[in-house]
Amino acid sequence: GSARLSCAASGSIFSIMVMGWYRQAPRGQRDMVATITWSGATNY
């Protein structure tokens, strides 16, 4: 199946350079899933 996550930001976002999603499984560490810059460059 599919799912869509959203993350809405407020505050001093002018300083932000990279946005991303991370995940942490039970008994696991927090790992990067995907990142995106303001210009749109992505990494998975």
ModelCIF file with pLDDT and N, C-alpha, C, O atoms, coordinates in Angstrom:
data_MODEL
#
_entry.id   MODEL 
#
_entity.id                         1 
_entity.type                       polymer 
_entity.pdbx_number_of_molecules   1 
#
_entity_poly.entity_id                      1 
_entity_poly.type                           'polypeptide(L)' 
_entity_poly.nstd_linkage                   no 
_entity_poly.nstd_monomer                   no 
_entity_poly.pdbx_seq_one_letter_code       GSARLSCAASGSIFSIMVMGWYRQAPRGQRDMVATITWSGATNY 
_entity_poly.pdbx_seq_one_letter_code_can   GSARLSCAASGSIFSIMVMGWYRQAPRGQRDMVATITWSGATNY 
_entity_poly.pdbx_strand_id                 A 
#
loop_
_entity_poly_seq.entity_id 
_entity_poly_seq.num 
_entity_poly_seq.mon_id 
_entity_poly_seq.hetero 
1 1  GLY n 
1 2  SER n 
1 3  ALA n 
1 4  ARG n 
1 5  LEU n 
1 6  SER n 
1 7  CYS n 
1 8  ALA n 
1 9  ALA n 
1 10 SER n 
1 11 GLY n 
1 12 SER n 
1 13 ILE n 
1 14 PHE n 
1 15 SER n 
1 16 ILE n 
1 17 MET n 
1 18 VAL n 
1 19 MET n 
1 20 GLY n 
1 21 TRP n 
1 22 TYR n 
1 23 ARG n 
1 24 GLN n 
1 25 ALA n 
1 26 PRO n 
1 27 ARG n 
1 28 GLY n 
1 29 GLN n 
1 30 ARG n 
1 31 ASP n 
1 32 MET n 
1 33 VAL n 
1 34 ALA n 
1 35 THR n 
1 36 ILE n 
1 37 THR n 
1 38 TRP n 
1 39 SER n 
1 40 GLY n 
1 41 ALA n 
1 42 THR n 
1 43 ASN n 
1 44 TYR n 
#
_struct_asym.id          A 
_struct_asym.entity_id   1 
#
loop_
_ma_qa_metric.id 
_ma_qa_metric.mode 
_ma_qa_metric.name 
_ma_qa_metric.software_group_id 
_ma_qa_metric.type 
1 global pLDDT . pLDDT 
2 local  pLDDT . pLDDT 
#
_ma_qa_metric_global.metric_id      1 
_ma_qa_metric_global.metric_value   93.43 
_ma_qa_metric_global.model_id       1 
_ma_qa_metric_global.ordinal_id     1 
#
loop_
_ma_qa_metric_local.label_asym_id 
_ma_qa_metric_local.label_comp_id 
_ma_qa_metric_local.label_seq_id 
_ma_qa_metric_local.metric_id 
_ma_qa_metric_local.metric_value 
_ma_qa_metric_local.model_id 
_ma_qa_metric_local.ordinal_id 
A GLY 1  2 97.00 1 1  
A SER 2  2 97.00 1 2  
A ALA 3  2 97.00 1 3  
A ARG 4  2 98.00 1 4  
A LEU 5  2 98.00 1 5  
A SER 6  2 97.00 1 6  
A CYS 7  2 97.00 1 7  
A ALA 8  2 95.00 1 8  
A ALA 9  2 94.00 1 9  
A SER 10 2 91.00 1 10 
A GLY 11 2 89.00 1 11 
A SER 12 2 84.00 1 12 
A ILE 13 2 83.00 1 13 
A PHE 14 2 85.00 1 14 
A SER 15 2 84.00 1 15 
A ILE 16 2 85.00 1 16 
A MET 17 2 87.00 1 17 
A VAL 18 2 94.00 1 18 
A MET 19 2 95.00 1 19 
A GLY 20 2 96.00 1 20 
A TRP 21 2 98.00 1 21 
A TYR 22 2 98.00 1 22 
A ARG 23 2 98.00 1 23 
A GLN 24 2 97.00 1 24 
A ALA 25 2 94.00 1 25 
A PRO 26 2 87.00 1 26 
A ARG 27 2 87.00 1 27 
A GLY 28 2 89.00 1 28 
A GLN 29 2 95.00 1 29 
A ARG 30 2 96.00 1 30 
A ASP 31 2 97.00 1 31 
A MET 32 2 97.00 1 32 
A VAL 33 2 98.00 1 33 
A ALA 34 2 98.00 1 34 
A THR 35 2 98.00 1 35 
A ILE 36 2 96.00 1 36 
A THR 37 2 93.00 1 37 
A TRP 38 2 85.00 1 38 
A SER 39 2 88.00 1 39 
A GLY 40 2 91.00 1 40 
A ALA 41 2 96.00 1 41 
A THR 42 2 97.00 1 42 
A ASN 43 2 97.00 1 43 
A TYR 44 2 98.00 1 44 
#
loop_
_atom_site.group_PDB 
_atom_site.id 
_atom_site.type_symbol 
_atom_site.label_atom_id 
_atom_site.label_alt_id 
_atom_site.label_comp_id 
_atom_site.label_asym_id 
_atom_site.label_entity_id 
_atom_site.label_seq_id 
_atom_site.pdbx_PDB_ins_code 
_atom_site.Cartn_x 
_atom_site.Cartn_y 
_atom_site.Cartn_z 
_atom_site.occupancy 
_atom_site.B_iso_or_equiv 
_atom_site.pdbx_formal_charge 
_atom_site.auth_seq_id 
_atom_site.auth_comp_id 
_atom_site.auth_asym_id 
_atom_site.auth_atom_id 
_atom_site.pdbx_PDB_model_num 
ATOM 1   N N  . GLY A 1 1  ? 0.806  -1.216 0.000  1.00 97.00 ? 1  GLY A N  1 
ATOM 2   C CA . GLY A 1 1  ? 0.000  0.000  0.000  1.00 97.00 ? 1  GLY A CA 1 
ATOM 3   C C  . GLY A 1 1  ? 0.835  1.261  0.000  1.00 97.00 ? 1  GLY A C  1 
ATOM 4   O O  . GLY A 1 1  ? 2.061  1.222  -0.104 1.00 97.00 ? 1  GLY A O  1 
ATOM 5   N N  . SER A 1 2  ? 0.140  2.380  0.119  1.00 97.00 ? 2  SER A N  1 
ATOM 6   C CA . SER A 1 2  ? 0.792  3.688  0.072  1.00 97.00 ? 2  SER A CA 1 
ATOM 7   C C  . SER A 1 2  ? 0.369  4.531  1.265  1.00 97.00 ? 2  SER A C  1 
ATOM 8   O O  . SER A 1 2  ? -0.676 4.308  1.876  1.00 97.00 ? 2  SER A O  1 
ATOM 9   N N  . ALA A 1 3  ? 1.203  5.491  1.570  1.00 97.00 ? 3  ALA A N  1 
ATOM 10  C CA . ALA A 1 3  ? 0.908  6.464  2.616  1.00 97.00 ? 3  ALA A CA 1 
ATOM 11  C C  . ALA A 1 3  ? 1.658  7.744  2.295  1.00 97.00 ? 3  ALA A C  1 
ATOM 12  O O  . ALA A 1 3  ? 2.683  7.726  1.615  1.00 97.00 ? 3  ALA A O  1 
ATOM 13  N N  . ARG A 1 4  ? 1.138  8.842  2.789  1.00 98.00 ? 4  ARG A N  1 
ATOM 14  C CA . ARG A 1 4  ? 1.785  10.142 2.573  1.00 98.00 ? 4  ARG A CA 1 
ATOM 15  C C  . ARG A 1 4  ? 1.938  10.850 3.902  1.00 98.00 ? 4  ARG A C  1 
ATOM 16  O O  . ARG A 1 4  ? 0.974  11.029 4.646  1.00 98.00 ? 4  ARG A O  1 
ATOM 17  N N  . LEU A 1 5  ? 3.168  11.250 4.186  1.00 98.00 ? 5  LEU A N  1 
ATOM 18  C CA . LEU A 1 5  ? 3.475  12.011 5.388  1.00 98.00 ? 5  LEU A CA 1 
ATOM 19  C C  . LEU A 1 5  ? 3.655  13.478 5.028  1.00 98.00 ? 5  LEU A C  1 
ATOM 20  O O  . LEU A 1 5  ? 4.184  13.816 3.969  1.00 98.00 ? 5  LEU A O  1 
ATOM 21  N N  . SER A 1 6  ? 3.204  14.344 5.935  1.00 97.00 ? 6  SER A N  1 
ATOM 22  C CA . SER A 1 6  ? 3.376  15.782 5.758  1.00 97.00 ? 6  SER A CA 1 
ATOM 23  C C  . SER A 1 6  ? 4.077  16.359 6.977  1.00 97.00 ? 6  SER A C  1 
ATOM 24  O O  . SER A 1 6  ? 3.910  15.871 8.094  1.00 97.00 ? 6  SER A O  1 
ATOM 25  N N  . CYS A 1 7  ? 4.853  17.388 6.750  1.00 97.00 ? 7  CYS A N  1 
ATOM 26  C CA . CYS A 1 7  ? 5.558  18.077 7.834  1.00 97.00 ? 7  CYS A CA 1 
ATOM 27  C C  . CYS A 1 7  ? 5.450  19.579 7.580  1.00 97.00 ? 7  CYS A C  1 
ATOM 28  O O  . CYS A 1 7  ? 6.062  20.109 6.652  1.00 97.00 ? 7  CYS A O  1 
ATOM 29  N N  . ALA A 1 8  ? 4.673  20.248 8.407  1.00 95.00 ? 8  ALA A N  1 
ATOM 30  C CA . ALA A 1 8  ? 4.463  21.687 8.262  1.00 95.00 ? 8  ALA A CA 1 
ATOM 31  C C  . ALA A 1 8  ? 5.369  22.436 9.232  1.00 95.00 ? 8  ALA A C  1 
ATOM 32  O O  . ALA A 1 8  ? 5.420  22.123 10.422 1.00 95.00 ? 8  ALA A O  1 
ATOM 33  N N  . ALA A 1 9  ? 6.076  23.421 8.712  1.00 94.00 ? 9  ALA A N  1 
ATOM 34  C CA . ALA A 1 9  ? 7.039  24.172 9.510  1.00 94.00 ? 9  ALA A CA 1 
ATOM 35  C C  . ALA A 1 9  ? 6.563  25.589 9.765  1.00 94.00 ? 9  ALA A C  1 
ATOM 36  O O  . ALA A 1 9  ? 5.852  26.180 8.953  1.00 94.00 ? 9  ALA A O  1 
ATOM 37  N N  . SER A 1 10 ? 6.967  26.120 10.906 1.00 91.00 ? 10 SER A N  1 
ATOM 38  C CA . SER A 1 10 ? 6.723  27.524 11.234 1.00 91.00 ? 10 SER A CA 1 
ATOM 39  C C  . SER A 1 10 ? 7.908  28.025 12.036 1.00 91.00 ? 10 SER A C  1 
ATOM 40  O O  . SER A 1 10 ? 8.704  27.241 12.554 1.00 91.00 ? 10 SER A O  1 
ATOM 41  N N  . GLY A 1 11 ? 8.013  29.352 12.132 1.00 89.00 ? 11 GLY A N  1 
ATOM 42  C CA . GLY A 1 11 ? 9.123  29.943 12.875 1.00 89.00 ? 11 GLY A CA 1 
ATOM 43  C C  . GLY A 1 11 ? 10.212 30.456 11.958 1.00 89.00 ? 11 GLY A C  1 
ATOM 44  O O  . GLY A 1 11 ? 9.927  30.946 10.865 1.00 89.00 ? 11 GLY A O  1 
ATOM 45  N N  . SER A 1 12 ? 11.437 30.352 12.384 1.00 84.00 ? 12 SER A N  1 
ATOM 46  C CA . SER A 1 12 ? 12.583 30.947 11.679 1.00 84.00 ? 12 SER A CA 1 
ATOM 47  C C  . SER A 1 12 ? 13.095 30.024 10.571 1.00 84.00 ? 12 SER A C  1 
ATOM 48  O O  . SER A 1 12 ? 14.227 29.543 10.616 1.00 84.00 ? 12 SER A O  1 
ATOM 49  N N  . ILE A 1 13 ? 12.258 29.795 9.602  1.00 83.00 ? 13 ILE A N  1 
ATOM 50  C CA . ILE A 1 13 ? 12.620 28.845 8.553  1.00 83.00 ? 13 ILE A CA 1 
ATOM 51  C C  . ILE A 1 13 ? 13.561 29.446 7.521  1.00 83.00 ? 13 ILE A C  1 
ATOM 52  O O  . ILE A 1 13 ? 14.049 28.717 6.658  1.00 83.00 ? 13 ILE A O  1 
ATOM 53  N N  . PHE A 1 14 ? 13.836 30.752 7.574  1.00 85.00 ? 14 PHE A N  1 
ATOM 54  C CA . PHE A 1 14 ? 14.718 31.375 6.600  1.00 85.00 ? 14 PHE A CA 1 
ATOM 55  C C  . PHE A 1 14 ? 16.121 30.792 6.681  1.00 85.00 ? 14 PHE A C  1 
ATOM 56  O O  . PHE A 1 14 ? 16.871 30.844 5.707  1.00 85.00 ? 14 PHE A O  1 
ATOM 57  N N  . SER A 1 15 ? 16.485 30.233 7.843  1.00 84.00 ? 15 SER A N  1 
ATOM 58  C CA . SER A 1 15 ? 17.829 29.690 8.038  1.00 84.00 ? 15 SER A CA 1 
ATOM 59  C C  . SER A 1 15 ? 17.958 28.233 7.587  1.00 84.00 ? 15 SER A C  1 
ATOM 60  O O  . SER A 1 15 ? 19.056 27.676 7.577  1.00 84.00 ? 15 SER A O  1 
ATOM 61  N N  . ILE A 1 16 ? 16.849 27.630 7.221  1.00 85.00 ? 16 ILE A N  1 
ATOM 62  C CA . ILE A 1 16 ? 16.863 26.199 6.913  1.00 85.00 ? 16 ILE A CA 1 
ATOM 63  C C  . ILE A 1 16 ? 17.471 25.936 5.540  1.00 85.00 ? 16 ILE A C  1 
ATOM 64  O O  . ILE A 1 16 ? 17.148 26.613 4.565  1.00 85.00 ? 16 ILE A O  1 
ATOM 65  N N  . MET A 1 17 ? 18.349 24.947 5.479  1.00 87.00 ? 17 MET A N  1 
ATOM 66  C CA . MET A 1 17 ? 19.013 24.603 4.235  1.00 87.00 ? 17 MET A CA 1 
ATOM 67  C C  . MET A 1 17 ? 18.581 23.244 3.683  1.00 87.00 ? 17 MET A C  1 
ATOM 68  O O  . MET A 1 17 ? 18.495 23.052 2.470  1.00 87.00 ? 17 MET A O  1 
ATOM 69  N N  . VAL A 1 18 ? 18.312 22.310 4.590  1.00 94.00 ? 18 VAL A N  1 
ATOM 70  C CA . VAL A 1 18 ? 17.966 20.947 4.175  1.00 94.00 ? 18 VAL A CA 1 
ATOM 71  C C  . VAL A 1 18 ? 16.792 20.466 5.018  1.00 94.00 ? 18 VAL A C  1 
ATOM 72  O O  . VAL A 1 18 ? 16.719 20.724 6.219  1.00 94.00 ? 18 VAL A O  1 
ATOM 73  N N  . MET A 1 19 ? 15.879 19.764 4.363  1.00 95.00 ? 19 MET A N  1 
ATOM 74  C CA . MET A 1 19 ? 14.747 19.163 5.046  1.00 95.00 ? 19 MET A CA 1 
ATOM 75  C C  . MET A 1 19 ? 14.767 17.667 4.757  1.00 95.00 ? 19 MET A C  1 
ATOM 76  O O  . MET A 1 19 ? 15.176 17.235 3.680  1.00 95.00 ? 19 MET A O  1 
ATOM 77  N N  . GLY A 1 20 ? 14.322 16.889 5.727  1.00 96.00 ? 20 GLY A N  1 
ATOM 78  C CA . GLY A 1 20 ? 14.402 15.457 5.496  1.00 96.00 ? 20 GLY A CA 1 
ATOM 79  C C  . GLY A 1 20 ? 13.464 14.649 6.355  1.00 96.00 ? 20 GLY A C  1 
ATOM 80  O O  . GLY A 1 20 ? 12.828 15.151 7.283  1.00 96.00 ? 20 GLY A O  1 
ATOM 81  N N  . TRP A 1 21 ? 13.402 13.385 6.013  1.00 98.00 ? 21 TRP A N  1 
ATOM 82  C CA . TRP A 1 21 ? 12.649 12.410 6.795  1.00 98.00 ? 21 TRP A CA 1 
ATOM 83  C C  . TRP A 1 21 ? 13.610 11.327 7.287  1.00 98.00 ? 21 TRP A C  1 
ATOM 84  O O  . TRP A 1 21 ? 14.468 10.845 6.548  1.00 98.00 ? 21 TRP A O  1 
ATOM 85  N N  . TYR A 1 22 ? 13.436 10.964 8.547  1.00 98.00 ? 22 TYR A N  1 
ATOM 86  C CA . TYR A 1 22 ? 14.218 9.913  9.173  1.00 98.00 ? 22 TYR A CA 1 
ATOM 87  C C  . TYR A 1 22 ? 13.245 8.910  9.778  1.00 98.00 ? 22 TYR A C  1 
ATOM 88  O O  . TYR A 1 22 ? 12.070 9.221  9.973  1.00 98.00 ? 22 TYR A O  1 
ATOM 89  N N  . ARG A 1 23 ? 13.722 7.726  10.073 1.00 98.00 ? 23 ARG A N  1 
ATOM 90  C CA . ARG A 1 23 ? 12.847 6.747  10.703 1.00 98.00 ? 23 ARG A CA 1 
ATOM 91  C C  . ARG A 1 23 ? 13.621 5.930  11.726 1.00 98.00 ? 23 ARG A C  1 
ATOM 92  O O  . ARG A 1 23 ? 14.833 5.736  11.635 1.00 98.00 ? 23 ARG A O  1 
ATOM 93  N N  . GLN A 1 24 ? 12.856 5.464  12.703 1.00 97.00 ? 24 GLN A N  1 
ATOM 94  C CA . GLN A 1 24 ? 13.443 4.679  13.774 1.00 97.00 ? 24 GLN A CA 1 
ATOM 95  C C  . GLN A 1 24 ? 12.528 3.490  14.047 1.00 97.00 ? 24 GLN A C  1 
ATOM 96  O O  . GLN A 1 24 ? 11.401 3.644  14.519 1.00 97.00 ? 24 GLN A O  1 
ATOM 97  N N  . ALA A 1 25 ? 13.040 2.307  13.740 1.00 94.00 ? 25 ALA A N  1 
ATOM 98  C CA . ALA A 1 25 ? 12.306 1.080  13.992 1.00 94.00 ? 25 ALA A CA 1 
ATOM 99  C C  . ALA A 1 25 ? 12.474 0.669  15.449 1.00 94.00 ? 25 ALA A C  1 
ATOM 100 O O  . ALA A 1 25 ? 13.394 1.133  16.122 1.00 94.00 ? 25 ALA A O  1 
ATOM 101 N N  . PRO A 1 26 ? 11.587 -0.203 15.945 1.00 87.00 ? 26 PRO A N  1 
ATOM 102 C CA . PRO A 1 26 ? 11.742 -0.662 17.323 1.00 87.00 ? 26 PRO A CA 1 
ATOM 103 C C  . PRO A 1 26 ? 13.127 -1.254 17.558 1.00 87.00 ? 26 PRO A C  1 
ATOM 104 O O  . PRO A 1 26 ? 13.602 -2.083 16.781 1.00 87.00 ? 26 PRO A O  1 
ATOM 105 N N  . ARG A 1 27 ? 13.761 -0.821 18.633 1.00 87.00 ? 27 ARG A N  1 
ATOM 106 C CA . ARG A 1 27 ? 15.101 -1.284 19.015 1.00 87.00 ? 27 ARG A CA 1 
ATOM 107 C C  . ARG A 1 27 ? 16.157 -0.910 17.965 1.00 87.00 ? 27 ARG A C  1 
ATOM 108 O O  . ARG A 1 27 ? 17.240 -1.494 17.942 1.00 87.00 ? 27 ARG A O  1 
ATOM 109 N N  . GLY A 1 28 ? 15.840 0.072  17.092 1.00 89.00 ? 28 GLY A N  1 
ATOM 110 C CA . GLY A 1 28 ? 16.812 0.482  16.086 1.00 89.00 ? 28 GLY A CA 1 
ATOM 111 C C  . GLY A 1 28 ? 17.260 1.915  16.287 1.00 89.00 ? 28 GLY A C  1 
ATOM 112 O O  . GLY A 1 28 ? 16.780 2.616  17.178 1.00 89.00 ? 28 GLY A O  1 
ATOM 113 N N  . GLN A 1 29 ? 18.186 2.333  15.445 1.00 95.00 ? 29 GLN A N  1 
ATOM 114 C CA . GLN A 1 29 ? 18.646 3.719  15.509 1.00 95.00 ? 29 GLN A CA 1 
ATOM 115 C C  . GLN A 1 29 ? 17.861 4.553  14.503 1.00 95.00 ? 29 GLN A C  1 
ATOM 116 O O  . GLN A 1 29 ? 17.183 4.010  13.631 1.00 95.00 ? 29 GLN A O  1 
ATOM 117 N N  . ARG A 1 30 ? 17.957 5.858  14.628 1.00 96.00 ? 30 ARG A N  1 
ATOM 118 C CA . ARG A 1 30 ? 17.263 6.762  13.712 1.00 96.00 ? 30 ARG A CA 1 
ATOM 119 C C  . ARG A 1 30 ? 18.117 6.933  12.454 1.00 96.00 ? 30 ARG A C  1 
ATOM 120 O O  . ARG A 1 30 ? 19.257 7.392  12.511 1.00 96.00 ? 30 ARG A O  1 
ATOM 121 N N  . ASP A 1 31 ? 17.540 6.557  11.337 1.00 97.00 ? 31 ASP A N  1 
ATOM 122 C CA . ASP A 1 31 ? 18.269 6.572  10.064 1.00 97.00 ? 31 ASP A CA 1 
ATOM 123 C C  . ASP A 1 31 ? 17.618 7.513  9.065  1.00 97.00 ? 31 ASP A C  1 
ATOM 124 O O  . ASP A 1 31 ? 16.405 7.721  9.088  1.00 97.00 ? 31 ASP A O  1 
ATOM 125 N N  . MET A 1 32 ? 18.433 8.076  8.193  1.00 97.00 ? 32 MET A N  1 
ATOM 126 C CA . MET A 1 32 ? 17.937 8.946  7.141  1.00 97.00 ? 32 MET A CA 1 
ATOM 127 C C  . MET A 1 32 ? 17.149 8.133  6.121  1.00 97.00 ? 32 MET A C  1 
ATOM 128 O O  . MET A 1 32 ? 17.568 7.049  5.713  1.00 97.00 ? 32 MET A O  1 
ATOM 129 N N  . VAL A 1 33 ? 16.009 8.670  5.718  1.00 98.00 ? 33 VAL A N  1 
ATOM 130 C CA . VAL A 1 33 ? 15.212 8.060  4.658  1.00 98.00 ? 33 VAL A CA 1 
ATOM 131 C C  . VAL A 1 33 ? 15.360 8.868  3.369  1.00 98.00 ? 33 VAL A C  1 
ATOM 132 O O  . VAL A 1 33 ? 15.654 8.313  2.310  1.00 98.00 ? 33 VAL A O  1 
ATOM 133 N N  . ALA A 1 34 ? 15.153 10.178 3.466  1.00 98.00 ? 34 ALA A N  1 
ATOM 134 C CA . ALA A 1 34 ? 15.239 11.032 2.284  1.00 98.00 ? 34 ALA A CA 1 
ATOM 135 C C  . ALA A 1 34 ? 15.456 12.469 2.728  1.00 98.00 ? 34 ALA A C  1 
ATOM 136 O O  . ALA A 1 34 ? 14.976 12.880 3.784  1.00 98.00 ? 34 ALA A O  1 
ATOM 137 N N  . THR A 1 35 ? 16.184 13.231 1.915  1.00 98.00 ? 35 THR A N  1 
ATOM 138 C CA . THR A 1 35 ? 16.387 14.648 2.177  1.00 98.00 ? 35 THR A CA 1 
ATOM 139 C C  . THR A 1 35 ? 16.147 15.444 0.910  1.00 98.00 ? 35 THR A C  1 
ATOM 140 O O  . THR A 1 35 ? 16.222 14.922 -0.202 1.00 98.00 ? 35 THR A O  1 
ATOM 141 N N  . ILE A 1 36 ? 15.856 16.724 1.106  1.00 96.00 ? 36 ILE A N  1 
ATOM 142 C CA . ILE A 1 36 ? 15.649 17.632 -0.017 1.00 96.00 ? 36 ILE A CA 1 
ATOM 143 C C  . ILE A 1 36 ? 16.115 19.015 0.389  1.00 96.00 ? 36 ILE A C  1 
ATOM 144 O O  . ILE A 1 36 ? 15.895 19.438 1.524  1.00 96.00 ? 36 ILE A O  1 
ATOM 145 N N  . THR A 1 37 ? 16.758 19.722 -0.527 1.00 93.00 ? 37 THR A N  1 
ATOM 146 C CA . THR A 1 37 ? 17.180 21.084 -0.272 1.00 93.00 ? 37 THR A CA 1 
ATOM 147 C C  . THR A 1 37 ? 16.121 22.054 -0.793 1.00 93.00 ? 37 THR A C  1 
ATOM 148 O O  . THR A 1 37 ? 15.183 21.656 -1.485 1.00 93.00 ? 37 THR A O  1 
ATOM 149 N N  . TRP A 1 38 ? 16.287 23.348 -0.445 1.00 85.00 ? 38 TRP A N  1 
ATOM 150 C CA . TRP A 1 38 ? 15.330 24.337 -0.929 1.00 85.00 ? 38 TRP A CA 1 
ATOM 151 C C  . TRP A 1 38 ? 15.330 24.405 -2.456 1.00 85.00 ? 38 TRP A C  1 
ATOM 152 O O  . TRP A 1 38 ? 14.313 24.745 -3.062 1.00 85.00 ? 38 TRP A O  1 
ATOM 153 N N  . SER A 1 39 ? 16.451 24.086 -3.070 1.00 88.00 ? 39 SER A N  1 
ATOM 154 C CA . SER A 1 39 ? 16.532 24.118 -4.533 1.00 88.00 ? 39 SER A CA 1 
ATOM 155 C C  . SER A 1 39 ? 15.949 22.873 -5.170 1.00 88.00 ? 39 SER A C  1 
ATOM 156 O O  . SER A 1 39 ? 15.769 22.820 -6.387 1.00 88.00 ? 39 SER A O  1 
ATOM 157 N N  . GLY A 1 40 ? 15.645 21.847 -4.337 1.00 91.00 ? 40 GLY A N  1 
ATOM 158 C CA . GLY A 1 40 ? 15.003 20.658 -4.864 1.00 91.00 ? 40 GLY A CA 1 
ATOM 159 C C  . GLY A 1 40 ? 15.891 19.450 -5.040 1.00 91.00 ? 40 GLY A C  1 
ATOM 160 O O  . GLY A 1 40 ? 15.421 18.411 -5.504 1.00 91.00 ? 40 GLY A O  1 
ATOM 161 N N  . ALA A 1 41 ? 17.151 19.550 -4.688 1.00 96.00 ? 41 ALA A N  1 
ATOM 162 C CA . ALA A 1 41 ? 18.036 18.394 -4.798 1.00 96.00 ? 41 ALA A CA 1 
ATOM 163 C C  . ALA A 1 41 ? 17.651 17.352 -3.755 1.00 96.00 ? 41 ALA A C  1 
ATOM 164 O O  . ALA A 1 41 ? 17.473 17.675 -2.580 1.00 96.00 ? 41 ALA A O  1 
ATOM 165 N N  . THR A 1 42 ? 17.525 16.112 -4.188 1.00 97.00 ? 42 THR A N  1 
ATOM 166 C CA . THR A 1 42 ? 17.059 15.046 -3.299 1.00 97.00 ? 42 THR A CA 1 
ATOM 167 C C  . THR A 1 42 ? 18.112 13.967 -3.099 1.00 97.00 ? 42 THR A C  1 
ATOM 168 O O  . THR A 1 42 ? 19.029 13.803 -3.904 1.00 97.00 ? 42 THR A O  1 
ATOM 169 N N  . ASN A 1 43 ? 17.952 13.243 -2.007 1.00 97.00 ? 43 ASN A N  1 
ATOM 170 C CA . ASN A 1 43 ? 18.830 12.128 -1.686 1.00 97.00 ? 43 ASN A CA 1 
ATOM 171 C C  . ASN A 1 43 ? 17.992 11.094 -0.950 1.00 97.00 ? 43 ASN A C  1 
ATOM 172 O O  . ASN A 1 43 ? 17.179 11.446 -0.096 1.00 97.00 ? 43 ASN A O  1 
ATOM 173 N N  . TYR A 1 44 ? 18.187 9.812  -1.278 1.00 98.00 ? 44 TYR A N  1 
ATOM 174 C CA . TYR A 1 44 ? 17.409 8.742  -0.680 1.00 98.00 ? 44 TYR A CA 1 
ATOM 175 C C  . TYR A 1 44 ? 18.318 7.637  -0.169 1.00 98.00 ? 44 TYR A C  1 
ATOM 176 O O  . TYR A 1 44 ? 17.836 6.642  0.372  1.00 98.00 ? 44 TYR A O  1 
#
